[in-house]
PDB file of N, CA and C in Angstrom:
ATOM      1  N   MET A   1     -21.436  14.289 -14.956  1.00  0.00           N
ATOM      2  CA  MET A   1     -20.417  14.004 -13.962  1.00  0.00           C
ATOM      3  C   MET A   1     -19.340  13.126 -14.602  1.00  0.00           C
ATOM      4  N   PRO A   2     -18.048  13.451 -14.435  1.00  0.00           N
ATOM      5  CA  PRO A   2     -16.974  12.640 -15.028  1.00  0.00           C
ATOM      6  C   PRO A   2     -16.867  11.279 -14.357  1.00  0.00           C
ATOM      7  N   ARG A   3     -16.368  10.340 -15.135  1.00  0.00           N
ATOM      8  CA  ARG A   3     -16.176   8.982 -14.640  1.00  0.00           C
ATOM      9  C   ARG A   3     -14.972   8.936 -13.709  1.00  0.00           C
ATOM     10  N   ARG A   4     -15.074   8.157 -12.669  1.00  0.00           N
ATOM     11  CA  ARG A   4     -13.987   8.002 -11.694  1.00  0.00           C
ATOM     12  C   ARG A   4     -13.229   6.717 -11.993  1.00  0.00           C
ATOM     13  N   ASN A   5     -11.964   6.826 -12.402  1.00  0.00           N
ATOM     14  CA  ASN A   5     -11.163   5.653 -12.749  1.00  0.00           C
ATOM     15  C   ASN A   5     -10.226   5.213 -11.636  1.00  0.00           C
ATOM     16  N   SER A   6      -9.988   6.047 -10.667  1.00  0.00           N
ATOM     17  CA  SER A   6      -9.059   5.666  -9.597  1.00  0.00           C
ATOM     18  C   SER A   6      -9.746   4.707  -8.636  1.00  0.00           C
ATOM     19  N   PRO A   7      -8.984   3.799  -8.014  1.00  0.00           N
ATOM     20  CA  PRO A   7      -9.601   2.845  -7.084  1.00  0.00           C
ATOM     21  C   PRO A   7     -10.111   3.560  -5.840  1.00  0.00           C
ATOM     22  N   LYS A   8     -11.190   3.034  -5.328  1.00  0.00           N
ATOM     23  CA  LYS A   8     -11.749   3.570  -4.090  1.00  0.00           C
ATOM     24  C   LYS A   8     -10.868   3.127  -2.920  1.00  0.00           C
ATOM     25  N   PRO A   9     -10.766   3.918  -1.866  1.00  0.00           N
ATOM     26  CA  PRO A   9      -9.930   3.530  -0.721  1.00  0.00           C
ATOM     27  C   PRO A   9     -10.330   2.211  -0.086  1.00  0.00           C
ATOM     28  N   GLU A  10     -11.615   1.840  -0.181  1.00  0.00           N
ATOM     29  CA  GLU A  10     -12.051   0.579   0.429  1.00  0.00           C
ATOM     30  C   GLU A  10     -11.815  -0.632  -0.468  1.00  0.00           C
ATOM     31  N   ASP A  11     -11.344  -0.418  -1.712  1.00  0.00           N
ATOM     32  CA  ASP A  11     -11.037  -1.546  -2.587  1.00  0.00           C
ATOM     33  C   ASP A  11      -9.861  -2.333  -2.034  1.00  0.00           C
ATOM     34  N   PRO A  12      -9.932  -3.672  -2.037  1.00  0.00           N
ATOM     35  CA  PRO A  12      -8.806  -4.463  -1.516  1.00  0.00           C
ATOM     36  C   PRO A  12      -7.578  -4.349  -2.416  1.00  0.00           C
ATOM     37  N   ARG A  13      -6.429  -4.361  -1.791  1.00  0.00           N
ATOM     38  CA  ARG A  13      -5.164  -4.342  -2.544  1.00  0.00           C
ATOM     39  C   ARG A  13      -4.844  -5.745  -3.022  1.00  0.00           C
ATOM     40  N   PRO A  14      -4.062  -5.877  -4.089  1.00  0.00           N
ATOM     41  CA  PRO A  14      -3.698  -7.213  -4.551  1.00  0.00           C
ATOM     42  C   PRO A  14      -2.854  -7.952  -3.520  1.00  0.00           C
ATOM     43  N   VAL A  15      -2.921  -9.265  -3.548  1.00  0.00           N
ATOM     44  CA  VAL A  15      -2.134 -10.105  -2.652  1.00  0.00           C
ATOM     45  C   VAL A  15      -0.664  -9.994  -3.036  1.00  0.00           C
ATOM     46  N   GLY A  16       0.234 -10.072  -2.069  1.00  0.00           N
ATOM     47  CA  GLY A  16       1.657 -10.083  -2.365  1.00  0.00           C
ATOM     48  C   GLY A  16       2.322  -8.737  -2.186  1.00  0.00           C
ATOM     49  N   GLY A  17       1.840  -7.942  -1.242  1.00  0.00           N
ATOM     50  CA  GLY A  17       2.488  -6.681  -0.952  1.00  0.00           C
ATOM     51  C   GLY A  17       2.125  -5.564  -1.909  1.00  0.00           C
ATOM     52  N   GLY A  18       1.089  -5.743  -2.713  1.00  0.00           N
ATOM     53  CA  GLY A  18       0.646  -4.692  -3.599  1.00  0.00           C
ATOM     54  C   GLY A  18       1.428  -4.582  -4.892  1.00  0.00           C
ATOM     55  N   VAL A  19       2.291  -5.515  -5.180  1.00  0.00           N
ATOM     56  CA  VAL A  19       3.068  -5.491  -6.420  1.00  0.00           C
ATOM     57  C   VAL A  19       2.503  -6.551  -7.339  1.00  0.00           C
ATOM     58  N   GLY A  20       1.817  -6.129  -8.380  1.00  0.00           N
ATOM     59  CA  GLY A  20       1.241  -7.092  -9.311  1.00  0.00           C
ATOM     60  C   GLY A  20       0.086  -7.854  -8.706  1.00  0.00           C
ATOM     61  N   TRP A  21      -0.200  -9.001  -9.269  1.00  0.00           N
ATOM     62  CA  TRP A  21      -1.309  -9.822  -8.827  1.00  0.00           C
ATOM     63  C   TRP A  21      -0.796 -11.225  -8.563  1.00  0.00           C
ATOM     64  N   ALA A  22      -1.191 -11.808  -7.450  1.00  0.00           N
ATOM     65  CA  ALA A  22      -0.752 -13.161  -7.099  1.00  0.00           C
ATOM     66  C   ALA A  22      -1.954 -13.967  -6.629  1.00  0.00           C
ATOM     67  N   ARG A  23      -1.894 -15.270  -6.893  1.00  0.00           N
ATOM     68  CA  ARG A  23      -2.939 -16.169  -6.415  1.00  0.00           C
ATOM     69  C   ARG A  23      -2.341 -17.058  -5.328  1.00  0.00           C
ATOM     70  N   ALA A  24      -3.161 -17.430  -4.381  1.00  0.00           N
ATOM     71  CA  ALA A  24      -2.716 -18.336  -3.323  1.00  0.00           C
ATOM     72  C   ALA A  24      -2.868 -19.767  -3.807  1.00  0.00           C
ATOM     73  N   GLU A  25      -1.848 -20.586  -3.581  1.00  0.00           N
ATOM     74  CA  GLU A  25      -1.878 -21.999  -3.967  1.00  0.00           C
ATOM     75  C   GLU A  25      -1.421 -22.854  -2.802  1.00  0.00           C
ATOM     76  N   PRO A  26      -2.279 -23.763  -2.345  1.00  0.00           N
ATOM     77  CA  PRO A  26      -1.825 -24.717  -1.329  1.00  0.00           C
ATOM     78  C   PRO A  26      -1.022 -25.814  -2.002  1.00  0.00           C
ATOM     79  N   GLY A  27      -0.070 -26.360  -1.288  1.00  0.00           N
ATOM     80  CA  GLY A  27       0.740 -27.441  -1.832  1.00  0.00           C
ATOM     81  C   GLY A  27       1.172 -28.379  -0.739  1.00  0.00           C
ATOM     82  N   PRO A  28       1.769 -29.500  -1.109  1.00  0.00           N
ATOM     83  CA  PRO A  28       2.215 -30.461  -0.106  1.00  0.00           C
ATOM     84  C   PRO A  28       3.332 -29.908   0.771  1.00  0.00           C
ATOM     85  N   ASP A  29       4.040 -28.902   0.286  1.00  0.00           N
ATOM     86  CA  ASP A  29       5.138 -28.314   1.045  1.00  0.00           C
ATOM     87  C   ASP A  29       4.794 -26.956   1.639  1.00  0.00           C
ATOM     88  N   GLY A  30       3.499 -26.613   1.696  1.00  0.00           N
ATOM     89  CA  GLY A  30       3.060 -25.357   2.297  1.00  0.00           C
ATOM     90  C   GLY A  30       2.259 -24.516   1.327  1.00  0.00           C
ATOM     91  N   ASP A  31       1.798 -23.374   1.821  1.00  0.00           N
ATOM     92  CA  ASP A  31       1.015 -22.458   1.001  1.00  0.00           C
ATOM     93  C   ASP A  31       1.932 -21.419   0.373  1.00  0.00           C
ATOM     94  N   TYR A  32       1.658 -21.099  -0.898  1.00  0.00           N
ATOM     95  CA  TYR A  32       2.485 -20.157  -1.649  1.00  0.00           C
ATOM     96  C   TYR A  32       1.619 -19.125  -2.347  1.00  0.00           C
ATOM     97  N   LEU A  33       2.204 -17.985  -2.603  1.00  0.00           N
ATOM     98  CA  LEU A  33       1.620 -16.991  -3.485  1.00  0.00           C
ATOM     99  C   LEU A  33       2.347 -17.125  -4.813  1.00  0.00           C
ATOM    100  N   VAL A  34       1.590 -17.150  -5.901  1.00  0.00           N
ATOM    101  CA  VAL A  34       2.153 -17.414  -7.225  1.00  0.00           C
ATOM    102  C   VAL A  34       1.670 -16.333  -8.183  1.00  0.00           C
ATOM    103  N   ARG A  35       2.592 -15.791  -8.935  1.00  0.00           N
ATOM    104  CA  ARG A  35       2.262 -14.770  -9.932  1.00  0.00           C
ATOM    105  C   ARG A  35       2.804 -15.216 -11.285  1.00  0.00           C
ATOM    106  N   ALA A  36       1.970 -15.135 -12.313  1.00  0.00           N
ATOM    107  CA  ALA A  36       2.388 -15.482 -13.676  1.00  0.00           C
ATOM    108  C   ALA A  36       3.137 -14.296 -14.286  1.00  0.00           C
ATOM    109  N   ILE A  37       4.241 -14.594 -14.976  1.00  0.00           N
ATOM    110  CA  ILE A  37       5.041 -13.588 -15.670  1.00  0.00           C
ATOM    111  C   ILE A  37       4.950 -13.893 -17.166  1.00  0.00           C
ATOM    112  N   SER A  38       4.499 -12.916 -17.935  1.00  0.00           N
ATOM    113  CA  SER A  38       4.400 -13.120 -19.379  1.00  0.00           C
ATOM    114  C   SER A  38       5.784 -13.026 -20.015  1.00  0.00           C
ATOM    115  N   GLY A  39       5.889 -13.473 -21.244  1.00  0.00           N
ATOM    116  CA  GLY A  39       7.155 -13.375 -21.955  1.00  0.00           C
ATOM    117  C   GLY A  39       7.610 -11.932 -22.118  1.00  0.00           C
ATOM    118  N   ALA A  40       6.664 -11.010 -22.329  1.00  0.00           N
ATOM    119  CA  ALA A  40       7.011  -9.592 -22.479  1.00  0.00           C
ATOM    120  C   ALA A  40       7.536  -8.993 -21.179  1.00  0.00           C
ATOM    121  N   GLN A  41       7.077  -9.505 -20.036  1.00  0.00           N
ATOM    122  CA  GLN A  41       7.532  -9.001 -18.743  1.00  0.00           C
ATOM    123  C   GLN A  41       8.882  -9.584 -18.335  1.00  0.00           C
ATOM    124  N   ALA A  42       9.234 -10.745 -18.851  1.00  0.00           N
ATOM    125  CA  ALA A  42      10.458 -11.445 -18.450  1.00  0.00           C
ATOM    126  C   ALA A  42      11.653 -10.820 -19.161  1.00  0.00           C
ATOM    127  N   GLN A  43      12.427 -10.036 -18.427  1.00  0.00           N
ATOM    128  CA  GLN A  43      13.535  -9.308 -19.034  1.00  0.00           C
ATOM    129  C   GLN A  43      14.903  -9.705 -18.494  1.00  0.00           C
ATOM    130  N   LYS A  44      14.938 -10.598 -17.509  1.00  0.00           N
ATOM    131  CA  LYS A  44      16.206 -11.033 -16.928  1.00  0.00           C
ATOM    132  C   LYS A  44      16.312 -12.553 -17.008  1.00  0.00           C
ATOM    133  N   THR A  45      17.505 -13.060 -16.810  1.00  0.00           N
ATOM    134  CA  THR A  45      17.726 -14.504 -16.746  1.00  0.00           C
ATOM    135  C   THR A  45      17.638 -14.939 -15.292  1.00  0.00           C
ATOM    136  N   TYR A  46      16.887 -16.018 -15.046  1.00  0.00           N
ATOM    137  CA  TYR A  46      16.742 -16.590 -13.711  1.00  0.00           C
ATOM    138  C   TYR A  46      17.098 -18.067 -13.779  1.00  0.00           C
ATOM    139  N   ARG A  47      17.339 -18.673 -12.630  1.00  0.00           N
ATOM    140  CA  ARG A  47      17.616 -20.102 -12.535  1.00  0.00           C
ATOM    141  C   ARG A  47      16.427 -20.760 -11.856  1.00  0.00           C
ATOM    142  N   CYS A  48      15.798 -21.719 -12.531  1.00  0.00           N
ATOM    143  CA  CYS A  48      14.630 -22.420 -11.992  1.00  0.00           C
ATOM    144  C   CYS A  48      15.080 -23.398 -10.909  1.00  0.00           C
ATOM    145  N   PRO A  49      14.504 -23.314  -9.701  1.00  0.00           N
ATOM    146  CA  PRO A  49      14.892 -24.261  -8.647  1.00  0.00           C
ATOM    147  C   PRO A  49      14.351 -25.665  -8.875  1.00  0.00           C
ATOM    148  N   GLY A  50      13.412 -25.837  -9.792  1.00  0.00           N
ATOM    149  CA  GLY A  50      12.856 -27.162 -10.061  1.00  0.00           C
ATOM    150  C   GLY A  50      13.748 -28.026 -10.925  1.00  0.00           C
ATOM    151  N   CYS A  51      14.352 -27.413 -11.959  1.00  0.00           N
ATOM    152  CA  CYS A  51      15.178 -28.188 -12.892  1.00  0.00           C
ATOM    153  C   CYS A  51      16.623 -27.694 -12.944  1.00  0.00           C
ATOM    154  N   ASP A  52      16.909 -26.584 -12.292  1.00  0.00           N
ATOM    155  CA  ASP A  52      18.238 -25.978 -12.247  1.00  0.00           C
ATOM    156  C   ASP A  52      18.701 -25.492 -13.624  1.00  0.00           C
ATOM    157  N   HIS A  53      17.754 -25.236 -14.542  1.00  0.00           N
ATOM    158  CA  HIS A  53      18.069 -24.657 -15.844  1.00  0.00           C
ATOM    159  C   HIS A  53      17.707 -23.183 -15.840  1.00  0.00           C
ATOM    160  N   GLU A  54      18.262 -22.453 -16.795  1.00  0.00           N
ATOM    161  CA  GLU A  54      17.979 -21.033 -16.886  1.00  0.00           C
ATOM    162  C   GLU A  54      16.583 -20.773 -17.455  1.00  0.00           C
ATOM    163  N   ILE A  55      15.978 -19.699 -16.971  1.00  0.00           N
ATOM    164  CA  ILE A  55      14.771 -19.141 -17.565  1.00  0.00           C
ATOM    165  C   ILE A  55      15.251 -17.893 -18.293  1.00  0.00           C
ATOM    166  N   ARG A  56      15.281 -17.951 -19.603  1.00  0.00           N
ATOM    167  CA  ARG A  56      15.846 -16.876 -20.422  1.00  0.00           C
ATOM    168  C   ARG A  56      14.861 -15.714 -20.560  1.00  0.00           C
ATOM    169  N   PRO A  57      15.358 -14.502 -20.849  1.00  0.00           N
ATOM    170  CA  PRO A  57      14.459 -13.368 -21.094  1.00  0.00           C
ATOM    171  C   PRO A  57      13.472 -13.702 -22.217  1.00  0.00           C
ATOM    172  N   GLY A  58      12.238 -13.272 -22.043  1.00  0.00           N
ATOM    173  CA  GLY A  58      11.194 -13.544 -23.026  1.00  0.00           C
ATOM    174  C   GLY A  58      10.452 -14.848 -22.801  1.00  0.00           C
ATOM    175  N   THR A  59      10.850 -15.627 -21.786  1.00  0.00           N
ATOM    176  CA  THR A  59      10.202 -16.909 -21.500  1.00  0.00           C
ATOM    177  C   THR A  59       9.128 -16.722 -20.432  1.00  0.00           C
ATOM    178  N   PRO A  60       7.872 -17.050 -20.730  1.00  0.00           N
ATOM    179  CA  PRO A  60       6.837 -16.972 -19.695  1.00  0.00           C
ATOM    180  C   PRO A  60       7.144 -17.957 -18.565  1.00  0.00           C
ATOM    181  N   HIS A  61       6.884 -17.557 -17.331  1.00  0.00           N
ATOM    182  CA  HIS A  61       7.153 -18.410 -16.175  1.00  0.00           C
ATOM    183  C   HIS A  61       6.330 -17.913 -14.986  1.00  0.00           C
ATOM    184  N   VAL A  62       6.553 -18.472 -13.815  1.00  0.00           N
ATOM    185  CA  VAL A  62       5.859 -18.037 -12.609  1.00  0.00           C
ATOM    186  C   VAL A  62       6.871 -17.640 -11.542  1.00  0.00           C
ATOM    187  N   VAL A  63       6.437 -16.755 -10.658  1.00  0.00           N
ATOM    188  CA  VAL A  63       7.214 -16.389  -9.478  1.00  0.00           C
ATOM    189  C   VAL A  63       6.418 -16.872  -8.278  1.00  0.00           C
ATOM    190  N   ALA A  64       7.068 -17.573  -7.368  1.00  0.00           N
ATOM    191  CA  ALA A  64       6.385 -18.109  -6.199  1.00  0.00           C
ATOM    192  C   ALA A  64       7.172 -17.785  -4.949  1.00  0.00           C
ATOM    193  N   TRP A  65       6.450 -17.581  -3.840  1.00  0.00           N
ATOM    194  CA  TRP A  65       7.083 -17.333  -2.554  1.00  0.00           C
ATOM    195  C   TRP A  65       6.149 -17.824  -1.457  1.00  0.00           C
ATOM    196  N   PRO A  66       6.693 -18.198  -0.309  1.00  0.00           N
ATOM    197  CA  PRO A  66       5.860 -18.686   0.786  1.00  0.00           C
ATOM    198  C   PRO A  66       4.824 -17.634   1.190  1.00  0.00           C
ATOM    199  N   ALA A  67       3.602 -18.078   1.448  1.00  0.00           N
ATOM    200  CA  ALA A  67       2.503 -17.166   1.760  1.00  0.00           C
ATOM    201  C   ALA A  67       2.769 -16.353   3.018  1.00  0.00           C
ATOM    202  N   GLU A  68       3.505 -16.889   3.959  1.00  0.00           N
ATOM    203  CA  GLU A  68       3.756 -16.146   5.195  1.00  0.00           C
ATOM    204  C   GLU A  68       4.799 -15.049   5.008  1.00  0.00           C
ATOM    205  N   ASP A  69       5.544 -15.047   3.901  1.00  0.00           N
ATOM    206  CA  ASP A  69       6.572 -14.037   3.628  1.00  0.00           C
ATOM    207  C   ASP A  69       6.120 -13.114   2.501  1.00  0.00           C
ATOM    208  N   THR A  70       4.968 -12.448   2.663  1.00  0.00           N
ATOM    209  CA  THR A  70       4.405 -11.657   1.578  1.00  0.00           C
ATOM    210  C   THR A  70       5.262 -10.460   1.206  1.00  0.00           C
ATOM    211  N   GLY A  71       6.080  -9.948   2.102  1.00  0.00           N
ATOM    212  CA  GLY A  71       6.869  -8.777   1.774  1.00  0.00           C
ATOM    213  C   GLY A  71       8.329  -9.061   1.494  1.00  0.00           C
ATOM    214  N   SER A  72       8.758 -10.308   1.579  1.00  0.00           N
ATOM    215  CA  SER A  72      10.168 -10.649   1.454  1.00  0.00           C
ATOM    216  C   SER A  72      10.541 -10.968   0.009  1.00  0.00           C
ATOM    217  N   VAL A  73      11.278 -10.072  -0.624  1.00  0.00           N
ATOM    218  CA  VAL A  73      11.720 -10.287  -2.006  1.00  0.00           C
ATOM    219  C   VAL A  73      12.739 -11.425  -2.069  1.00  0.00           C
ATOM    220  N   GLU A  74      13.516 -11.629  -1.013  1.00  0.00           N
ATOM    221  CA  GLU A  74      14.555 -12.665  -1.001  1.00  0.00           C
ATOM    222  C   GLU A  74      13.976 -14.075  -1.092  1.00  0.00           C
ATOM    223  N   GLU A  75      12.733 -14.261  -0.703  1.00  0.00           N
ATOM    224  CA  GLU A  75      12.116 -15.590  -0.725  1.00  0.00           C
ATOM    225  C   GLU A  75      11.463 -15.918  -2.059  1.00  0.00           C
ATOM    226  N   ARG A  76      11.389 -14.978  -2.977  1.00  0.00           N
ATOM    227  CA  ARG A  76      10.746 -15.220  -4.270  1.00  0.00           C
ATOM    228  C   ARG A  76      11.646 -16.039  -5.171  1.00  0.00           C
ATOM    229  N   ARG A  77      11.046 -17.001  -5.868  1.00  0.00           N
ATOM    230  CA  ARG A  77      11.779 -17.845  -6.804  1.00  0.00           C
ATOM    231  C   ARG A  77      11.042 -17.869  -8.130  1.00  0.00           C
ATOM    232  N   HIS A  78      11.790 -17.832  -9.208  1.00  0.00           N
ATOM    233  CA  HIS A  78      11.245 -17.898 -10.558  1.00  0.00           C
ATOM    234  C   HIS A  78      11.304 -19.342 -11.034  1.00  0.00           C
ATOM    235  N   TRP A  79      10.178 -19.878 -11.488  1.00  0.00           N
ATOM    236  CA  TRP A  79      10.039 -21.266 -11.891  1.00  0.00           C
ATOM    237  C   TRP A  79       9.488 -21.350 -13.307  1.00  0.00           C
ATOM    238  N   HIS A  80       9.909 -22.369 -14.070  1.00  0.00           N
ATOM    239  CA  HIS A  80       9.179 -22.731 -15.283  1.00  0.00           C
ATOM    240  C   HIS A  80       7.796 -23.188 -14.827  1.00  0.00           C
ATOM    241  N   GLN A  81       6.772 -22.899 -15.619  1.00  0.00           N
ATOM    242  CA  GLN A  81       5.413 -23.296 -15.229  1.00  0.00           C
ATOM    243  C   GLN A  81       5.321 -24.809 -15.015  1.00  0.00           C
ATOM    244  N   SER A  82       5.921 -25.590 -15.908  1.00  0.00           N
ATOM    245  CA  SER A  82       5.844 -27.052 -15.775  1.00  0.00           C
ATOM    246  C   SER A  82       6.602 -27.555 -14.547  1.00  0.00           C
ATOM    247  N   CYS A  83       7.705 -26.917 -14.211  1.00  0.00           N
ATOM    248  CA  CYS A  83       8.461 -27.308 -13.013  1.00  0.00           C
ATOM    249  C   CYS A  83       7.660 -26.995 -11.753  1.00  0.00           C
ATOM    250  N   TRP A  84       6.995 -25.845 -11.749  1.00  0.00           N
ATOM    251  CA  TRP A  84       6.167 -25.474 -10.598  1.00  0.00           C
ATOM    252  C   TRP A  84       5.014 -26.464 -10.439  1.00  0.00           C
ATOM    253  N   ASP A  85       4.380 -26.824 -11.551  1.00  0.00           N
ATOM    254  CA  ASP A  85       3.251 -27.750 -11.495  1.00  0.00           C
ATOM    255  C   ASP A  85       3.660 -29.141 -11.026  1.00  0.00           C
ATOM    256  N   SER A  86       4.898 -29.552 -11.303  1.00  0.00           N
ATOM    257  CA  SER A  86       5.335 -30.905 -10.940  1.00  0.00           C
ATOM    258  C   SER A  86       6.280 -30.929  -9.742  1.00  0.00           C
ATOM    259  N   ARG A  87       6.351 -29.865  -8.969  1.00  0.00           N
ATOM    260  CA  ARG A  87       7.322 -29.801  -7.865  1.00  0.00           C
ATOM    261  C   ARG A  87       7.085 -30.872  -6.804  1.00  0.00           C
ATOM    262  N   GLY A  88       5.858 -31.345  -6.658  1.00  0.00           N
ATOM    263  CA  GLY A  88       5.563 -32.391  -5.679  1.00  0.00           C
ATOM    264  C   GLY A  88       6.044 -33.762  -6.116  1.00  0.00           C
ATOM    265  N   ARG A  89       6.316 -33.939  -7.398  1.00  0.00           N
ATOM    266  CA  ARG A  89       6.752 -35.233  -7.932  1.00  0.00           C
ATOM    267  C   ARG A  89       8.245 -35.293  -8.182  1.00  0.00           C
ATOM    268  N   ARG A  90       8.956 -34.187  -8.000  1.00  0.00           N
ATOM    269  CA  ARG A  90      10.391 -34.140  -8.280  1.00  0.00           C
ATOM    270  C   ARG A  90      11.187 -34.136  -6.986  1.00  0.00           C
ATOM    271  N   GLY A  91      12.407 -34.546  -7.078  1.00  0.00           N
ATOM    272  CA  GLY A  91      13.325 -34.387  -5.957  1.00  0.00           C
ATOM    273  C   GLY A  91      13.881 -32.976  -5.966  1.00  0.00           C
ATOM    274  N   PRO A  92      14.282 -32.475  -4.822  1.00  0.00           N
ATOM    275  CA  PRO A  92      14.813 -31.099  -4.794  1.00  0.00           C
ATOM    276  C   PRO A  92      16.169 -31.001  -5.504  1.00  0.00           C
ATOM    277  N   THR A  93      16.441 -29.852  -6.093  1.00  0.00           N
ATOM    278  CA  THR A  93      17.754 -29.580  -6.659  1.00  0.00           C
ATOM    279  C   THR A  93      18.601 -28.926  -5.589  1.00  0.00           C
ATOM    280  N   SER A  94      19.846 -28.679  -5.900  1.00  0.00           N
ATOM    281  CA  SER A  94      20.745 -28.113  -4.903  1.00  0.00           C
ATOM    282  C   SER A  94      20.420 -26.667  -4.568  1.00  0.00           C
ATOM    283  N   ARG A  95      19.683 -25.960  -5.432  1.00  0.00           N
ATOM    284  CA  ARG A  95      19.401 -24.545  -5.214  1.00  0.00           C
ATOM    285  C   ARG A  95      17.975 -24.290  -4.753  1.00  0.00           C
ATOM    286  N   ARG A  96      17.256 -25.283  -4.369  1.00  0.00           N
ATOM    287  CA  ARG A  96      15.854 -25.103  -3.988  1.00  0.00           C
ATOM    288  C   ARG A  96      15.754 -24.300  -2.700  1.00  0.00           C
ATOM    289  N   TRP A  97      14.922 -23.301  -2.671  1.00  0.00           N
ATOM    290  CA  TRP A  97      14.636 -22.396  -1.555  1.00  0.00           C
ATOM    291  C   TRP A  97      15.864 -22.223  -0.751  1.00  0.00           C
TER     292      TRP A  97
END
């Protein structure tokens, strides 16, 4: 009998609307879904809301969005990993959420 590689219908879909994989993270400012982006996946320039600096193509980073807005692309923000980790200790920048 051949091996079955396709997912079974009862298998759970990934968190975050079925696009990629995201982990849930609680924080002082609410719950978020967070997905890691590798350097190979990063092909555009983004502005980090934590430090207001650019995230250049090829730079590993994270994408985060409020957990209650799982399907809203407009709420997603690209962050440097260190900025995301220290967001509770920093003051907001002018472009935050």
